[in-house]
Amino acid sequence: MENKKLADIGVFGGSGFYKFLDNIEEVKVETPYGMPSENLFIGQIGSHKVAFMPRHGRNHTILPHLINYRANVWAMKHVGCERVISPCAAGSLQKHVKPGDFVICDQFVDWTDGRKSTFFEGPVVTHPSAAETYCPELRSLAIKTAKDLGINVHETGTVVVINGPRFSTKSESKFFTNQGWEVINMTAFPEAYLVKEMDMCPLNISLITDYDAGLVGDVPPVSHHEVIEVFNSNVANLKNLLFKMIENIPTSRDNCECKNTKKNSQL
């Protein structure tokens, strides 16, 4: 792949987050994996060129299980991105993780089915480690920035990713809660993992919009309309976090091993 060096930071927008930057250049990228969800919108934050893509499309027409994750991530790599931030609307599986809170996830559990989840299809045998998918440097910076802004942030969390488009049953949700997992979402896998495979640094920022169905009885059941309402009420916090954080991201990745993922994964 020949990178065009149009941007060095990528941001994927989720439900309710379809526009990020002003004074942008719109760039169409065709990929070996088909068309991405949307064109890239490239603008400037501090010393960084930032590429933004709404993962569901600018009019939210692509359901989570139908997103072409490989095309989206390949497009970010193609324009030169070295780090990719993935904010997402998410549900809480634990009562202490409240709607409006942010969770900087450090682990994921894949509960999806049928998604194209790797770029590595041979002939070179490649087995990337997913033990620590999310970039420690970006996670630390996101946590510090959230605290500086007075956002209620959870410094760790496991996100279980379900296929969608349906929400969980009560029984499924209770099972996830009983595992001790904190967050539930439909898009966090394989997006971040594919970012890692491409030697870029992945970061998940889960914006909690609701309590999941397994907590019904203590809290009301979820509806998509309520999810978007909570997300919209917190999108200003999310944008402030992203702007301040991106301004403080170092220009080099000298101390980050994410850039060596592929090299460290081959026999």
C-alpha atoms as a PDB file:
ATOM      1  CA  MET A   1       0.000   0.000   0.000  1.00  0.00           C
ATOM      2  CA  GLU A   2       1.301   3.460  -0.916  1.00  0.00           C
ATOM      3  CA  ASN A   3       0.274   5.963   1.755  1.00  0.00           C
ATOM      4  CA  LYS A   4      -0.631   9.438   0.508  1.00  0.00           C
ATOM      5  CA  LYS A   5       0.315  11.204   3.776  1.00  0.00           C
ATOM      6  CA  LEU A   6      -2.788  13.355   3.787  1.00  0.00           C
ATOM      7  CA  ALA A   7      -3.415  12.792   7.500  1.00  0.00           C
ATOM      8  CA  ASP A   8      -1.717  11.275  10.527  1.00  0.00           C
ATOM      9  CA  ILE A   9      -4.690  10.858  12.910  1.00  0.00           C
ATOM     10  CA  GLY A  10      -7.928   9.062  12.048  1.00  0.00           C
ATOM     11  CA  VAL A  11     -11.268   9.365  13.852  1.00  0.00           C
ATOM     12  CA  PHE A  12     -14.294   7.143  13.256  1.00  0.00           C
ATOM     13  CA  GLY A  13     -17.657   8.646  14.153  1.00  0.00           C
ATOM     14  CA  GLY A  14     -20.451   6.448  15.515  1.00  0.00           C
ATOM     15  CA  SER A  15     -24.180   6.817  16.110  1.00  0.00           C
ATOM     16  CA  GLY A  16     -25.020  10.492  16.547  1.00  0.00           C
ATOM     17  CA  PHE A  17     -21.512  11.626  15.561  1.00  0.00           C
ATOM     18  CA  TYR A  18     -21.540  12.370  11.842  1.00  0.00           C
ATOM     19  CA  LYS A  19     -19.610  15.652  11.613  1.00  0.00           C
ATOM     20  CA  PHE A  20     -16.405  16.648  13.374  1.00  0.00           C
ATOM     21  CA  LEU A  21     -14.217  19.187  11.596  1.00  0.00           C
ATOM     22  CA  ASP A  22     -14.736  22.457   9.749  1.00  0.00           C
ATOM     23  CA  ASN A  23     -12.636  23.699   6.821  1.00  0.00           C
ATOM     24  CA  ILE A  24     -12.239  20.184   5.513  1.00  0.00           C
ATOM     25  CA  GLU A  25     -11.064  18.545   2.318  1.00  0.00           C
ATOM     26  CA  GLU A  26     -13.298  15.671   1.247  1.00  0.00           C
ATOM     27  CA  VAL A  27     -11.303  12.731  -0.102  1.00  0.00           C
ATOM     28  CA  LYS A  28     -12.721   9.661  -1.836  1.00  0.00           C
ATOM     29  CA  VAL A  29     -10.727   6.469  -1.328  1.00  0.00           C
ATOM     30  CA  GLU A  30     -11.259   3.237  -3.231  1.00  0.00           C
ATOM     31  CA  THR A  31      -9.893   0.135  -1.526  1.00  0.00           C
ATOM     32  CA  PRO A  32      -9.095  -3.500  -2.420  1.00  0.00           C
ATOM     33  CA  TYR A  33     -11.928  -4.449  -0.039  1.00  0.00           C
ATOM     34  CA  GLY A  34     -14.659  -2.392  -1.668  1.00  0.00           C
ATOM     35  CA  MET A  35     -15.954   1.071  -0.875  1.00  0.00           C
ATOM     36  CA  PRO A  36     -15.688   2.498   2.654  1.00  0.00           C
ATOM     37  CA  SER A  37     -18.728   3.700   4.556  1.00  0.00           C
ATOM     38  CA  GLU A  38     -18.063   7.280   3.527  1.00  0.00           C
ATOM     39  CA  ASN A  39     -15.479   9.651   2.084  1.00  0.00           C
ATOM     40  CA  LEU A  40     -12.789  10.933   4.422  1.00  0.00           C
ATOM     41  CA  PHE A  41     -13.115  14.490   5.716  1.00  0.00           C
ATOM     42  CA  ILE A  42      -9.636  15.864   6.410  1.00  0.00           C
ATOM     43  CA  GLY A  43      -8.900  18.940   8.510  1.00  0.00           C
ATOM     44  CA  GLN A  44      -6.366  20.359  10.958  1.00  0.00           C
ATOM     45  CA  ILE A  45      -6.150  20.106  14.753  1.00  0.00           C
ATOM     46  CA  GLY A  46      -2.988  21.661  16.196  1.00  0.00           C
ATOM     47  CA  SER A  47      -0.022  20.155  14.385  1.00  0.00           C
ATOM     48  CA  HIS A  48      -2.009  17.146  13.198  1.00  0.00           C
ATOM     49  CA  LYS A  49      -3.919  16.475  10.013  1.00  0.00           C
ATOM     50  CA  VAL A  50      -7.046  14.553  11.015  1.00  0.00           C
ATOM     51  CA  ALA A  51      -9.152  12.266   8.805  1.00  0.00           C
ATOM     52  CA  PHE A  52     -12.745  11.766   9.961  1.00  0.00           C
ATOM     53  CA  MET A  53     -15.149   9.089   8.730  1.00  0.00           C
ATOM     54  CA  PRO A  54     -18.671   8.387  10.040  1.00  0.00           C
ATOM     55  CA  ARG A  55     -18.644   4.594  10.134  1.00  0.00           C
ATOM     56  CA  HIS A  56     -22.391   4.335   9.472  1.00  0.00           C
ATOM     57  CA  GLY A  57     -22.248   6.857   6.608  1.00  0.00           C
ATOM     58  CA  ARG A  58     -23.069  10.558   6.850  1.00  0.00           C
ATOM     59  CA  ASN A  59     -26.810   9.793   6.958  1.00  0.00           C
ATOM     60  CA  HIS A  60     -26.532   6.683   9.168  1.00  0.00           C
ATOM     61  CA  THR A  61     -27.642   4.240   6.488  1.00  0.00           C
ATOM     62  CA  ILE A  62     -25.236   1.345   7.254  1.00  0.00           C
ATOM     63  CA  LEU A  63     -26.122  -1.055  10.068  1.00  0.00           C
ATOM     64  CA  PRO A  64     -23.322  -2.318  12.359  1.00  0.00           C
ATOM     65  CA  HIS A  65     -23.210  -5.856  10.922  1.00  0.00           C
ATOM     66  CA  LEU A  66     -23.005  -4.495   7.353  1.00  0.00           C
ATOM     67  CA  ILE A  67     -20.145  -1.996   7.832  1.00  0.00           C
ATOM     68  CA  ASN A  68     -17.167  -2.717   5.586  1.00  0.00           C
ATOM     69  CA  TYR A  69     -14.645  -2.473   8.417  1.00  0.00           C
ATOM     70  CA  ARG A  70     -11.668  -3.569   6.330  1.00  0.00           C
ATOM     71  CA  ALA A  71     -12.332  -0.918   3.689  1.00  0.00           C
ATOM     72  CA  ASN A  72     -12.759   1.780   6.355  1.00  0.00           C
ATOM     73  CA  VAL A  73      -9.516   0.921   8.141  1.00  0.00           C
ATOM     74  CA  TRP A  74      -7.585   0.459   4.893  1.00  0.00           C
ATOM     75  CA  ALA A  75      -8.699   3.943   3.826  1.00  0.00           C
ATOM     76  CA  MET A  76      -7.302   5.446   7.029  1.00  0.00           C
ATOM     77  CA  LYS A  77      -3.976   3.696   6.477  1.00  0.00           C
ATOM     78  CA  HIS A  78      -3.921   4.699   2.811  1.00  0.00           C
ATOM     79  CA  VAL A  79      -4.060   8.429   3.594  1.00  0.00           C
ATOM     80  CA  GLY A  80      -1.196   8.099   6.075  1.00  0.00           C
ATOM     81  CA  CYS A  81      -2.861   7.724   9.486  1.00  0.00           C
ATOM     82  CA  GLU A  82      -0.682   6.307  12.244  1.00  0.00           C
ATOM     83  CA  ARG A  83      -3.250   6.499  15.055  1.00  0.00           C
ATOM     84  CA  VAL A  84      -7.009   5.871  14.910  1.00  0.00           C
ATOM     85  CA  ILE A  85      -9.493   6.951  17.584  1.00  0.00           C
ATOM     86  CA  SER A  86     -12.837   5.130  17.692  1.00  0.00           C
ATOM     87  CA  PRO A  87     -15.526   6.819  19.768  1.00  0.00           C
ATOM     88  CA  CYS A  88     -18.747   4.837  19.981  1.00  0.00           C
ATOM     89  CA  ALA A  89     -22.153   4.904  21.607  1.00  0.00           C
ATOM     90  CA  ALA A  90     -22.340   2.005  24.051  1.00  0.00           C
ATOM     91  CA  GLY A  91     -24.486   0.434  26.729  1.00  0.00           C
ATOM     92  CA  SER A  92     -23.526  -0.227  30.338  1.00  0.00           C
ATOM     93  CA  LEU A  93     -23.526  -3.712  31.830  1.00  0.00           C
ATOM     94  CA  GLN A  94     -22.751  -2.511  35.361  1.00  0.00           C
ATOM     95  CA  LYS A  95     -24.761  -0.078  37.482  1.00  0.00           C
ATOM     96  CA  HIS A  96     -21.672   1.914  38.524  1.00  0.00           C
ATOM     97  CA  VAL A  97     -21.006   2.718  34.838  1.00  0.00           C
ATOM     98  CA  LYS A  98     -23.662   5.355  34.272  1.00  0.00           C
ATOM     99  CA  PRO A  99     -25.178   6.969  31.171  1.00  0.00           C
ATOM    100  CA  GLY A 100     -23.041   9.992  30.279  1.00  0.00           C
ATOM    101  CA  ASP A 101     -19.848   8.329  31.570  1.00  0.00           C
ATOM    102  CA  PHE A 102     -16.894   7.656  29.276  1.00  0.00           C
ATOM    103  CA  VAL A 103     -15.048   4.322  29.353  1.00  0.00           C
ATOM    104  CA  ILE A 104     -11.537   4.015  27.914  1.00  0.00           C
ATOM    105  CA  CYS A 105     -11.684   0.310  27.166  1.00  0.00           C
ATOM    106  CA  ASP A 106      -8.602  -1.849  27.546  1.00  0.00           C
ATOM    107  CA  GLN A 107     -10.123  -5.192  26.482  1.00  0.00           C
ATOM    108  CA  PHE A 108     -12.758  -6.513  24.089  1.00  0.00           C
ATOM    109  CA  VAL A 109     -14.773  -9.714  23.787  1.00  0.00           C
ATOM    110  CA  ASP A 110     -15.897 -10.642  20.275  1.00  0.00           C
ATOM    111  CA  TRP A 111     -19.514 -11.891  20.240  1.00  0.00           C
ATOM    112  CA  THR A 112     -20.058 -11.151  16.548  1.00  0.00           C
ATOM    113  CA  ASP A 113     -20.659 -13.559  13.697  1.00  0.00           C
ATOM    114  CA  GLY A 114     -19.603 -13.564  10.060  1.00  0.00           C
ATOM    115  CA  ARG A 115     -17.606 -10.332   9.979  1.00  0.00           C
ATOM    116  CA  LYS A 116     -14.438 -10.085   7.912  1.00  0.00           C
ATOM    117  CA  SER A 117     -12.064  -9.554  10.811  1.00  0.00           C
ATOM    118  CA  THR A 118      -8.517  -9.778   9.438  1.00  0.00           C
ATOM    119  CA  PHE A 119      -6.360  -8.503   6.603  1.00  0.00           C
ATOM    120  CA  PHE A 120      -4.092 -11.544   6.885  1.00  0.00           C
ATOM    121  CA  GLU A 121      -5.248 -14.276   4.523  1.00  0.00           C
ATOM    122  CA  GLY A 122      -1.865 -15.766   3.538  1.00  0.00           C
ATOM    123  CA  PRO A 123       0.377 -16.866   2.032  1.00  0.00           C
ATOM    124  CA  VAL A 124       2.581 -15.422   4.803  1.00  0.00           C
ATOM    125  CA  VAL A 125       1.502 -16.961   8.122  1.00  0.00           C
ATOM    126  CA  THR A 126       0.641 -14.112  10.492  1.00  0.00           C
ATOM    127  CA  HIS A 127      -0.802 -14.423  14.009  1.00  0.00           C
ATOM    128  CA  PRO A 128      -1.196 -10.979  15.628  1.00  0.00           C
ATOM    129  CA  SER A 129      -1.620 -10.838  19.382  1.00  0.00           C
ATOM    130  CA  ALA A 130      -4.819  -9.235  20.634  1.00  0.00           C
ATOM    131  CA  ALA A 131      -3.786  -9.487  24.296  1.00  0.00           C
ATOM    132  CA  GLU A 132      -3.377  -5.699  24.491  1.00  0.00           C
ATOM    133  CA  THR A 133      -5.215  -4.389  21.448  1.00  0.00           C
ATOM    134  CA  TYR A 134      -5.632  -0.768  22.537  1.00  0.00           C
ATOM    135  CA  CYS A 135      -2.631   1.566  22.492  1.00  0.00           C
ATOM    136  CA  PRO A 136      -1.347   2.254  26.040  1.00  0.00           C
ATOM    137  CA  GLU A 137       0.014   5.693  25.074  1.00  0.00           C
ATOM    138  CA  LEU A 138      -3.302   6.850  23.608  1.00  0.00           C
ATOM    139  CA  ARG A 139      -5.283   5.343  26.487  1.00  0.00           C
ATOM    140  CA  SER A 140      -3.209   7.261  29.060  1.00  0.00           C
ATOM    141  CA  LEU A 141      -3.620  10.509  27.145  1.00  0.00           C
ATOM    142  CA  ALA A 142      -7.385  10.011  26.770  1.00  0.00           C
ATOM    143  CA  ILE A 143      -7.804   9.334  30.504  1.00  0.00           C
ATOM    144  CA  LYS A 144      -5.753  12.383  31.506  1.00  0.00           C
ATOM    145  CA  THR A 145      -7.632  14.623  29.055  1.00  0.00           C
ATOM    146  CA  ALA A 146     -11.030  13.425  30.261  1.00  0.00           C
ATOM    147  CA  LYS A 147     -10.060  14.107  33.878  1.00  0.00           C
ATOM    148  CA  ASP A 148      -8.753  17.547  32.978  1.00  0.00           C
ATOM    149  CA  LEU A 149     -12.131  18.329  31.374  1.00  0.00           C
ATOM    150  CA  GLY A 150     -14.090  17.058  34.370  1.00  0.00           C
ATOM    151  CA  ILE A 151     -15.624  14.153  32.454  1.00  0.00           C
ATOM    152  CA  ASN A 152     -16.562  11.126  34.546  1.00  0.00           C
ATOM    153  CA  VAL A 153     -14.213   8.539  33.027  1.00  0.00           C
ATOM    154  CA  HIS A 154     -13.549   4.864  33.755  1.00  0.00           C
ATOM    155  CA  GLU A 155      -9.885   4.110  33.152  1.00  0.00           C
ATOM    156  CA  THR A 156     -10.404   0.469  32.168  1.00  0.00           C
ATOM    157  CA  GLY A 157     -13.251  -1.605  30.829  1.00  0.00           C
ATOM    158  CA  THR A 158     -14.087  -4.634  28.733  1.00  0.00           C
ATOM    159  CA  VAL A 159     -16.421  -4.093  25.797  1.00  0.00           C
ATOM    160  CA  VAL A 160     -18.384  -7.092  24.519  1.00  0.00           C
ATOM    161  CA  VAL A 161     -19.276  -6.602  20.871  1.00  0.00           C
ATOM    162  CA  ILE A 162     -22.534  -8.100  19.633  1.00  0.00           C
ATOM    163  CA  ASN A 163     -23.526  -8.459  16.020  1.00  0.00           C
ATOM    164  CA  GLY A 164     -26.661  -6.330  15.919  1.00  0.00           C
ATOM    165  CA  PRO A 165     -28.865  -4.911  14.652  1.00  0.00           C
ATOM    166  CA  ARG A 166     -30.945  -6.241  17.546  1.00  0.00           C
ATOM    167  CA  PHE A 167     -30.160  -5.405  21.158  1.00  0.00           C
ATOM    168  CA  SER A 168     -29.503  -8.197  23.670  1.00  0.00           C
ATOM    169  CA  THR A 169     -32.181 -10.271  25.342  1.00  0.00           C
ATOM    170  CA  LYS A 170     -32.389  -9.938  29.125  1.00  0.00           C
ATOM    171  CA  SER A 171     -30.773 -13.349  29.532  1.00  0.00           C
ATOM    172  CA  GLU A 172     -27.877 -12.527  27.216  1.00  0.00           C
ATOM    173  CA  SER A 173     -27.333  -9.206  28.940  1.00  0.00           C
ATOM    174  CA  LYS A 174     -27.372 -10.778  32.396  1.00  0.00           C
ATOM    175  CA  PHE A 175     -24.785 -13.293  31.208  1.00  0.00           C
ATOM    176  CA  PHE A 176     -22.508 -10.490  30.017  1.00  0.00           C
ATOM    177  CA  THR A 177     -23.008  -8.621  33.308  1.00  0.00           C
ATOM    178  CA  ASN A 178     -22.185 -11.741  35.301  1.00  0.00           C
ATOM    179  CA  GLN A 179     -18.877 -12.047  33.446  1.00  0.00           C
ATOM    180  CA  GLY A 180     -17.895  -8.691  34.944  1.00  0.00           C
ATOM    181  CA  TRP A 181     -17.780  -6.923  31.580  1.00  0.00           C
ATOM    182  CA  GLU A 182     -18.630  -3.220  31.648  1.00  0.00           C
ATOM    183  CA  VAL A 183     -19.592  -2.141  28.127  1.00  0.00           C
ATOM    184  CA  ILE A 184     -21.673  -3.495  25.249  1.00  0.00           C
ATOM    185  CA  ASN A 185     -21.509  -2.221  21.675  1.00  0.00           C
ATOM    186  CA  MET A 186     -21.994  -3.337  18.050  1.00  0.00           C
ATOM    187  CA  THR A 187     -18.998  -1.802  16.226  1.00  0.00           C
ATOM    188  CA  ALA A 188     -15.879  -1.984  18.437  1.00  0.00           C
ATOM    189  CA  PHE A 189     -14.859  -5.261  16.767  1.00  0.00           C
ATOM    190  CA  PRO A 190     -13.263  -5.773  14.317  1.00  0.00           C
ATOM    191  CA  GLU A 191     -12.550  -2.057  13.829  1.00  0.00           C
ATOM    192  CA  ALA A 192      -9.862  -1.550  16.493  1.00  0.00           C
ATOM    193  CA  TYR A 193      -8.278  -4.933  15.863  1.00  0.00           C
ATOM    194  CA  LEU A 194      -7.963  -4.189  12.138  1.00  0.00           C
ATOM    195  CA  VAL A 195      -6.352  -0.858  13.023  1.00  0.00           C
ATOM    196  CA  LYS A 196      -3.791  -2.805  15.057  1.00  0.00           C
ATOM    197  CA  GLU A 197      -3.151  -5.219  12.171  1.00  0.00           C
ATOM    198  CA  MET A 198      -2.284  -2.219  10.001  1.00  0.00           C
ATOM    199  CA  ASP A 199       0.440  -1.125  12.475  1.00  0.00           C
ATOM    200  CA  MET A 200      -1.652   1.860  13.555  1.00  0.00           C
ATOM    201  CA  CYS A 201      -2.488   2.721  17.185  1.00  0.00           C
ATOM    202  CA  PRO A 202      -6.121   1.971  18.147  1.00  0.00           C
ATOM    203  CA  LEU A 203      -8.109   3.724  20.871  1.00  0.00           C
ATOM    204  CA  ASN A 204     -11.674   3.041  22.000  1.00  0.00           C
ATOM    205  CA  ILE A 205     -13.712   5.747  23.731  1.00  0.00           C
ATOM    206  CA  SER A 206     -17.087   4.334  24.791  1.00  0.00           C
ATOM    207  CA  LEU A 207     -19.714   6.956  25.538  1.00  0.00           C
ATOM    208  CA  ILE A 208     -22.310   5.261  27.746  1.00  0.00           C
ATOM    209  CA  THR A 209     -25.835   6.050  26.576  1.00  0.00           C
ATOM    210  CA  ASP A 210     -27.965   3.565  28.536  1.00  0.00           C
ATOM    211  CA  TYR A 211     -28.121   0.529  30.795  1.00  0.00           C
ATOM    212  CA  ASP A 212     -28.413  -2.758  28.933  1.00  0.00           C
ATOM    213  CA  ALA A 213     -31.448  -5.048  29.166  1.00  0.00           C
ATOM    214  CA  GLY A 214     -30.000  -7.335  31.856  1.00  0.00           C
ATOM    215  CA  LEU A 215     -30.315  -4.523  34.392  1.00  0.00           C
ATOM    216  CA  VAL A 216     -34.057  -4.096  33.712  1.00  0.00           C
ATOM    217  CA  GLY A 217     -35.922  -3.958  36.995  1.00  0.00           C
ATOM    218  CA  ASP A 218     -33.343  -1.560  38.357  1.00  0.00           C
ATOM    219  CA  VAL A 219     -33.310   0.620  35.254  1.00  0.00           C
ATOM    220  CA  PRO A 220     -35.622   1.120  32.227  1.00  0.00           C
ATOM    221  CA  PRO A 221     -35.136  -0.927  29.018  1.00  0.00           C
ATOM    222  CA  VAL A 222     -33.175   0.590  26.154  1.00  0.00           C
ATOM    223  CA  SER A 223     -34.563   2.170  22.990  1.00  0.00           C
ATOM    224  CA  HIS A 224     -32.545   3.486  20.049  1.00  0.00           C
ATOM    225  CA  HIS A 225     -34.234   6.887  20.351  1.00  0.00           C
ATOM    226  CA  GLU A 226     -33.066   7.239  23.972  1.00  0.00           C
ATOM    227  CA  VAL A 227     -29.559   6.130  23.006  1.00  0.00           C
ATOM    228  CA  ILE A 228     -29.282   8.946  20.459  1.00  0.00           C
ATOM    229  CA  GLU A 229     -30.737  11.503  22.896  1.00  0.00           C
ATOM    230  CA  VAL A 230     -28.081  10.737  25.529  1.00  0.00           C
ATOM    231  CA  PHE A 231     -25.336  10.651  22.913  1.00  0.00           C
ATOM    232  CA  ASN A 232     -26.394  14.013  21.504  1.00  0.00           C
ATOM    233  CA  SER A 233     -26.388  15.562  24.969  1.00  0.00           C
ATOM    234  CA  ASN A 234     -22.778  14.452  25.424  1.00  0.00           C
ATOM    235  CA  VAL A 235     -21.382  14.990  21.936  1.00  0.00           C
ATOM    236  CA  ALA A 236     -19.948  18.375  22.997  1.00  0.00           C
ATOM    237  CA  ASN A 237     -17.952  16.618  25.742  1.00  0.00           C
ATOM    238  CA  LEU A 238     -16.743  14.068  23.209  1.00  0.00           C
ATOM    239  CA  LYS A 239     -15.626  16.713  20.716  1.00  0.00           C
ATOM    240  CA  ASN A 240     -13.842  18.704  23.450  1.00  0.00           C
ATOM    241  CA  LEU A 241     -12.053  15.545  24.553  1.00  0.00           C
ATOM    242  CA  LEU A 242     -11.000  14.691  21.008  1.00  0.00           C
ATOM    243  CA  PHE A 243      -9.782  18.210  20.177  1.00  0.00           C
ATOM    244  CA  LYS A 244      -7.745  18.598  23.361  1.00  0.00           C
ATOM    245  CA  MET A 245      -6.378  15.086  23.212  1.00  0.00           C
ATOM    246  CA  ILE A 246      -5.356  15.287  19.556  1.00  0.00           C
ATOM    247  CA  GLU A 247      -3.579  18.598  20.175  1.00  0.00           C
ATOM    248  CA  ASN A 248      -1.394  16.781  22.729  1.00  0.00           C
ATOM    249  CA  ILE A 249      -0.635  13.607  20.790  1.00  0.00           C
ATOM    250  CA  PRO A 250       3.124  13.388  20.175  1.00  0.00           C
ATOM    251  CA  THR A 251       4.227  13.572  16.570  1.00  0.00           C
ATOM    252  CA  SER A 252       6.438  10.468  16.872  1.00  0.00           C
ATOM    253  CA  ARG A 253       5.668   6.923  18.000  1.00  0.00           C
ATOM    254  CA  ASP A 254       9.159   6.122  19.251  1.00  0.00           C
ATOM    255  CA  ASN A 255       7.894   4.543  22.475  1.00  0.00           C
ATOM    256  CA  CYS A 256       4.910   2.675  21.002  1.00  0.00           C
ATOM    257  CA  GLU A 257       4.987  -0.949  19.879  1.00  0.00           C
ATOM    258  CA  CYS A 258       1.753  -0.698  17.864  1.00  0.00           C
ATOM    259  CA  LYS A 259       3.838   0.209  14.823  1.00  0.00           C
ATOM    260  CA  ASN A 260       5.540  -3.228  14.961  1.00  0.00           C
ATOM    261  CA  THR A 261       2.416  -5.383  15.159  1.00  0.00           C
ATOM    262  CA  LYS A 262       2.791  -7.040  11.771  1.00  0.00           C
ATOM    263  CA  LYS A 263       6.538  -7.618  12.136  1.00  0.00           C
ATOM    264  CA  ASN A 264       6.035  -9.196  15.555  1.00  0.00           C
ATOM    265  CA  SER A 265       3.249 -11.456  14.269  1.00  0.00           C
ATOM    266  CA  GLN A 266       4.939 -13.319  11.441  1.00  0.00           C
ATOM    267  CA  LEU A 267       6.755 -16.638  11.677  1.00  0.00           C
END
